[in-house]
Amino acid sequence: MALIKAKIRVGHSPDPDDAFMFYAIAHDKIKTDGITFSHVIEDIESLNRRAFKGELEVTAVSAFSFFRIADKYALMSCGASIGDNYGPLLVATKSMYPKELEGKTIAVPGLNTTAYLLLKLFLPKFKEVVVPFDQILDKVKAGEVAAGLVIHEGQLTYKNTGFHKIVDLGEWYYEMTKLPIPLGVDVIRKNLGKDVIRKTTKILKNSIEYGLKNRPEALKYAMKFGRGIETDTADEFVGMYVNDYTVDMGKKGKEGLMTLRQAAIEAGLIKDPAPIEWVDM
């Protein structure tokens, strides 16, 4: 049987959970047999914008963005960041009811993020201002915005700096649907051909499994992407978003994704999305 060869550029964000997933590939801990990888590390909103143009062969994207690029990319059943009764947080400097934020300015990490989609479903009327995710808490603290939509490790560290949780959107989604919320997913360009698609997906799955089986060394690598957070915080964050669902989304993860897609269609936030093509292993 001929060796399947391909050069794959992989886009992922500079976060402990993504770094943890790709550790085994980045450090040659697993065989990639003819598939060579190069890493493109950018924030998720930049990766979303690249994906709209179909630039990278494999990339992490927000689930909200994926619904609009399903014509170009197939969805890998591994590599998803799924919140099971937790997710992006809406925070402010004082305690308040969500209703009080109607019409107010809220800092969001990007208009293509799943966090933004969830906030639009939860609180349709607000004014958004796009702020890099790692500067959102600063904007809230400075009083430049009424509240901020927090993703990544800010979900764990916001309490230490005197912020109040208005709502956990993953918790809200779970209350509404009894399903987990896929926030980020890994996708692969359809024009690579079935053999390359399947082989690349298998390698990524192997990399995630390697990290989970060799947690201390994978976590040590992931810490380089933790923006100065403590090891315990990084470990907790990785545990939230690299788990059994990341190895395989499974029935519940897929249901969570399809339910979110339907809600976005009904809210008029996506129009005529292409059908989803899954890469299962």
Protein backbone atom coordinates (compact mmCIF):
# COMPACT_ATOMS: atom_id res chain seq x y z
CA MET A 1 0.00 0.00 0.00
CA ALA A 2 1.39 3.43 -1.03
CA LEU A 3 2.46 5.80 1.72
CA ILE A 4 0.01 8.69 2.08
CA LYS A 5 2.00 11.94 2.07
CA ALA A 6 0.90 15.49 2.73
CA LYS A 7 2.13 18.78 4.17
CA ILE A 8 -0.39 20.03 6.69
CA ARG A 9 -0.47 23.48 8.25
CA VAL A 10 -2.30 23.27 11.56
CA GLY A 11 -3.85 26.39 13.04
CA HIS A 12 -4.41 26.51 16.78
CA SER A 13 -4.68 29.20 19.41
CA PRO A 14 -1.95 30.06 21.95
CA ASP A 15 -3.82 28.46 24.84
CA PRO A 16 -2.92 25.65 27.23
CA ASP A 17 -5.73 23.35 26.02
CA ASP A 18 -4.81 23.60 22.31
CA ALA A 19 -1.09 23.28 23.07
CA PHE A 20 -1.82 20.20 25.19
CA MET A 21 -3.69 18.55 22.30
CA PHE A 22 -0.90 19.16 19.78
CA TYR A 23 2.03 18.41 22.11
CA ALA A 24 2.71 14.90 20.78
CA ILE A 25 2.73 16.14 17.16
CA ALA A 26 4.89 19.19 17.94
CA HIS A 27 7.47 17.07 19.79
CA ASP A 28 7.52 13.99 17.53
CA LYS A 29 6.09 11.74 20.25
CA ILE A 30 3.92 9.83 17.78
CA LYS A 31 4.41 8.53 14.25
CA THR A 32 3.01 10.70 11.47
CA ASP A 33 4.11 8.43 8.58
CA GLY A 34 4.40 10.73 5.57
CA ILE A 35 2.27 13.56 6.98
CA THR A 36 4.39 16.56 7.95
CA PHE A 37 2.95 19.27 10.17
CA SER A 38 3.76 22.94 10.60
CA HIS A 39 2.03 24.97 13.31
CA VAL A 40 0.30 28.32 12.85
CA ILE A 41 -0.37 29.75 16.30
CA GLU A 42 -2.84 32.66 16.38
CA ASP A 43 -5.80 33.77 18.46
CA ILE A 44 -9.09 32.07 17.62
CA GLU A 45 -10.65 35.08 15.89
CA SER A 46 -7.66 35.31 13.51
CA LEU A 47 -7.99 31.57 12.79
CA ASN A 48 -11.73 32.02 12.15
CA ARG A 49 -10.96 34.73 9.57
CA ARG A 50 -8.34 32.50 7.87
CA ALA A 51 -10.87 29.66 7.74
CA PHE A 52 -13.42 31.81 5.89
CA LYS A 53 -10.79 32.03 3.13
CA GLY A 54 -9.92 28.32 3.39
CA GLU A 55 -6.24 29.15 4.00
CA LEU A 56 -5.11 26.32 6.31
CA GLU A 57 -5.43 22.58 5.74
CA VAL A 58 -6.37 21.91 9.39
CA THR A 59 -7.45 24.50 11.92
CA ALA A 60 -9.19 25.07 15.20
CA VAL A 61 -12.22 27.31 14.68
CA SER A 62 -15.14 28.50 16.73
CA ALA A 63 -18.20 26.29 16.24
CA PHE A 64 -20.12 29.43 15.18
CA SER A 65 -17.60 30.01 12.37
CA PHE A 66 -17.63 26.37 11.33
CA PHE A 67 -21.36 26.52 10.56
CA ARG A 68 -20.50 29.09 7.86
CA ILE A 69 -17.51 27.24 6.32
CA ALA A 70 -18.95 23.71 6.25
CA ASP A 71 -18.84 23.92 2.44
CA LYS A 72 -15.00 24.00 2.57
CA TYR A 73 -14.17 22.05 5.74
CA ALA A 74 -15.17 18.71 7.24
CA LEU A 75 -15.50 18.40 11.01
CA MET A 76 -13.11 16.10 12.86
CA SER A 77 -14.82 14.12 15.60
CA CYS A 78 -11.72 14.72 17.78
CA GLY A 79 -10.12 17.95 18.98
CA ALA A 80 -13.26 19.77 20.13
CA SER A 81 -13.28 22.01 23.21
CA ILE A 82 -16.60 21.20 24.85
CA GLY A 83 -18.06 22.75 27.98
CA ASP A 84 -20.24 20.32 29.90
CA ASN A 85 -22.45 22.64 31.98
CA TYR A 86 -19.83 25.43 31.86
CA GLY A 87 -18.51 27.81 29.24
CA PRO A 88 -17.88 31.50 28.46
CA LEU A 89 -18.68 33.88 31.31
CA LEU A 90 -20.34 37.27 31.30
CA VAL A 91 -18.72 39.30 34.09
CA ALA A 92 -18.93 42.81 35.51
CA THR A 93 -17.39 44.80 38.36
CA LYS A 94 -20.62 44.58 40.36
CA SER A 95 -23.40 42.05 40.80
CA MET A 96 -26.44 42.62 38.56
CA TYR A 97 -29.26 40.89 36.72
CA PRO A 98 -28.58 40.07 33.05
CA LYS A 99 -31.64 42.18 32.08
CA GLU A 100 -29.78 45.27 33.34
CA LEU A 101 -27.27 44.84 30.51
CA GLU A 102 -29.86 45.22 27.72
CA GLY A 103 -28.69 47.96 25.36
CA LYS A 104 -25.39 48.34 27.24
CA THR A 105 -21.88 47.97 25.79
CA ILE A 106 -20.26 44.57 26.30
CA ALA A 107 -16.68 43.64 25.37
CA VAL A 108 -16.60 40.44 23.29
CA PRO A 109 -13.59 38.43 22.01
CA GLY A 110 -14.76 38.41 18.36
CA LEU A 111 -17.93 38.40 16.28
CA ASN A 112 -17.18 34.92 14.91
CA THR A 113 -16.68 33.23 18.28
CA THR A 114 -19.12 30.74 19.78
CA ALA A 115 -19.05 32.84 22.95
CA TYR A 116 -20.51 35.76 20.97
CA LEU A 117 -23.17 33.51 19.41
CA LEU A 118 -24.21 32.26 22.85
CA LEU A 119 -24.42 35.80 24.20
CA LYS A 120 -26.60 36.86 21.23
CA LEU A 121 -28.93 33.92 21.94
CA PHE A 122 -29.02 34.74 25.67
CA LEU A 123 -29.24 38.55 25.44
CA PRO A 124 -30.17 39.60 21.89
CA LYS A 125 -30.04 43.37 22.53
CA PHE A 126 -26.65 44.78 23.51
CA LYS A 127 -23.88 46.85 21.91
CA GLU A 128 -20.74 44.84 21.28
CA VAL A 129 -17.20 46.11 21.15
CA VAL A 130 -14.54 43.66 19.96
CA VAL A 131 -11.54 43.46 22.32
CA PRO A 132 -8.66 40.92 22.26
CA PHE A 133 -9.71 38.18 24.70
CA ASP A 134 -6.79 38.78 27.08
CA GLN A 135 -7.66 42.51 27.45
CA ILE A 136 -11.39 42.15 28.18
CA LEU A 137 -11.12 42.15 31.98
CA ASP A 138 -8.95 45.31 31.82
CA LYS A 139 -11.64 47.12 29.79
CA VAL A 140 -14.33 46.10 32.28
CA LYS A 141 -12.18 47.17 35.22
CA ALA A 142 -11.47 50.55 33.60
CA GLY A 143 -15.23 51.15 33.24
CA GLU A 144 -14.97 51.40 29.44
CA VAL A 145 -17.67 48.74 29.05
CA ALA A 146 -20.56 47.61 31.24
CA ALA A 147 -19.52 43.94 31.13
CA GLY A 148 -17.14 41.55 29.42
CA LEU A 149 -17.46 38.15 27.81
CA VAL A 150 -14.62 36.03 29.17
CA ILE A 151 -13.10 32.96 27.50
CA HIS A 152 -9.95 30.85 28.09
CA GLU A 153 -8.30 30.89 31.49
CA GLY A 154 -10.09 34.13 32.46
CA GLN A 155 -13.01 31.82 33.26
CA LEU A 156 -10.98 30.60 36.25
CA THR A 157 -9.06 33.73 37.25
CA TYR A 158 -11.77 36.44 37.11
CA LYS A 159 -12.76 35.92 40.78
CA ASN A 160 -9.24 36.72 42.03
CA THR A 161 -9.51 40.24 40.62
CA GLY A 162 -12.87 41.25 42.07
CA PHE A 163 -15.23 40.58 39.15
CA HIS A 164 -18.77 39.25 39.49
CA LYS A 165 -20.27 36.53 37.34
CA ILE A 166 -23.50 37.63 35.65
CA VAL A 167 -24.04 34.32 33.81
CA ASP A 168 -22.13 31.24 32.75
CA LEU A 169 -23.37 30.73 29.17
CA GLY A 170 -22.38 27.05 29.14
CA GLU A 171 -24.48 26.54 32.26
CA TRP A 172 -27.38 28.44 30.67
CA TYR A 173 -27.10 26.33 27.49
CA TYR A 174 -27.14 23.14 29.56
CA GLU A 175 -30.24 24.31 31.47
CA MET A 176 -31.99 24.98 28.15
CA THR A 177 -30.95 21.81 26.30
CA LYS A 178 -29.42 19.33 28.80
CA LEU A 179 -26.51 19.13 26.33
CA PRO A 180 -22.82 20.10 26.42
CA ILE A 181 -21.72 23.11 24.36
CA PRO A 182 -19.03 22.67 21.66
CA LEU A 183 -17.12 25.98 21.70
CA GLY A 184 -14.17 25.23 19.44
CA VAL A 185 -13.79 22.42 16.92
CA ASP A 186 -11.00 21.13 14.68
CA VAL A 187 -11.71 21.06 10.96
CA ILE A 188 -9.93 19.78 7.86
CA ARG A 189 -10.20 21.02 4.29
CA LYS A 190 -12.35 18.74 2.13
CA ASN A 191 -10.18 19.10 -0.98
CA LEU A 192 -7.33 17.11 0.63
CA GLY A 193 -9.03 13.86 -0.32
CA LYS A 194 -10.49 11.12 1.87
CA ASP A 195 -7.23 9.25 2.58
CA VAL A 196 -5.33 12.32 3.81
CA ILE A 197 -8.38 13.49 5.78
CA ARG A 198 -8.76 10.18 7.61
CA LYS A 199 -5.03 9.75 8.27
CA THR A 200 -4.58 13.32 9.56
CA THR A 201 -7.61 12.98 11.84
CA LYS A 202 -6.23 9.72 13.24
CA ILE A 203 -2.88 11.40 13.98
CA LEU A 204 -4.60 14.25 15.83
CA LYS A 205 -6.64 11.76 17.85
CA ASN A 206 -3.42 9.89 18.72
CA SER A 207 -1.82 13.17 19.82
CA ILE A 208 -4.72 13.98 22.17
CA GLU A 209 -4.64 10.47 23.64
CA TYR A 210 -0.86 10.70 24.13
CA GLY A 211 -1.26 13.98 26.04
CA LEU A 212 -3.95 12.52 28.29
CA LYS A 213 -1.83 9.44 29.02
CA ASN A 214 1.34 11.52 29.61
CA ARG A 215 -0.29 14.45 31.36
CA PRO A 216 2.72 15.91 33.30
CA GLU A 217 4.96 16.31 30.23
CA ALA A 218 2.12 17.56 28.00
CA LEU A 219 1.06 20.01 30.72
CA LYS A 220 4.62 21.30 31.08
CA TYR A 221 4.57 22.16 27.36
CA ALA A 222 1.05 23.63 27.61
CA MET A 223 2.16 25.91 30.47
CA LYS A 224 4.27 27.90 28.00
CA PHE A 225 0.96 29.09 26.54
CA GLY A 226 -0.70 29.95 29.85
CA ARG A 227 0.15 33.67 30.00
CA GLY A 228 1.75 33.37 33.44
CA ILE A 229 -0.99 31.35 35.16
CA GLU A 230 -0.14 28.88 37.92
CA THR A 231 0.32 25.18 37.16
CA ASP A 232 -2.84 24.27 39.12
CA THR A 233 -4.92 26.76 37.10
CA ALA A 234 -3.49 25.48 33.81
CA ASP A 235 -4.19 21.89 34.87
CA GLU A 236 -7.78 22.76 35.79
CA PHE A 237 -8.29 24.66 32.52
CA VAL A 238 -6.86 21.81 30.42
CA GLY A 239 -9.09 19.38 32.34
CA MET A 240 -12.15 21.47 31.45
CA TYR A 241 -11.49 21.44 27.72
CA VAL A 242 -9.34 18.36 26.99
CA ASN A 243 -11.31 15.31 28.07
CA ASP A 244 -13.27 12.33 26.71
CA TYR A 245 -15.27 14.66 24.44
CA THR A 246 -11.99 15.87 22.91
CA VAL A 247 -10.95 12.32 22.03
CA ASP A 248 -14.37 11.79 20.42
CA MET A 249 -17.32 14.21 20.46
CA GLY A 250 -19.68 11.25 20.65
CA LYS A 251 -23.46 11.38 20.37
CA LYS A 252 -23.96 14.07 23.04
CA GLY A 253 -21.25 16.37 21.71
CA LYS A 254 -22.72 16.12 18.20
CA GLU A 255 -26.24 16.75 19.52
CA GLY A 256 -24.97 19.81 21.38
CA LEU A 257 -23.42 21.12 18.16
CA MET A 258 -26.48 20.49 15.97
CA THR A 259 -28.82 22.03 18.56
CA LEU A 260 -26.64 25.16 18.67
CA ARG A 261 -26.63 25.32 14.86
CA GLN A 262 -30.43 25.12 14.78
CA ALA A 263 -30.74 27.86 17.44
CA ALA A 264 -28.42 30.11 15.40
CA ILE A 265 -30.51 29.52 12.25
CA GLU A 266 -33.78 30.25 14.09
CA ALA A 267 -32.30 33.46 15.55
CA GLY A 268 -31.29 34.58 12.04
CA LEU A 269 -27.59 34.57 12.98
CA ILE A 270 -26.62 32.14 10.19
CA LYS A 271 -28.37 31.73 6.86
CA ASP A 272 -28.46 28.65 4.61
CA PRO A 273 -25.51 26.78 6.17
CA ALA A 274 -24.02 23.89 4.21
CA PRO A 275 -24.65 20.37 5.61
CA ILE A 276 -22.01 19.14 8.06
CA GLU A 277 -19.62 16.42 6.92
CA TRP A 278 -18.10 14.46 9.82
CA VAL A 279 -14.74 12.70 9.87
CA ASP A 280 -15.22 9.79 12.25
CA MET A 281 -12.53 7.35 13.28
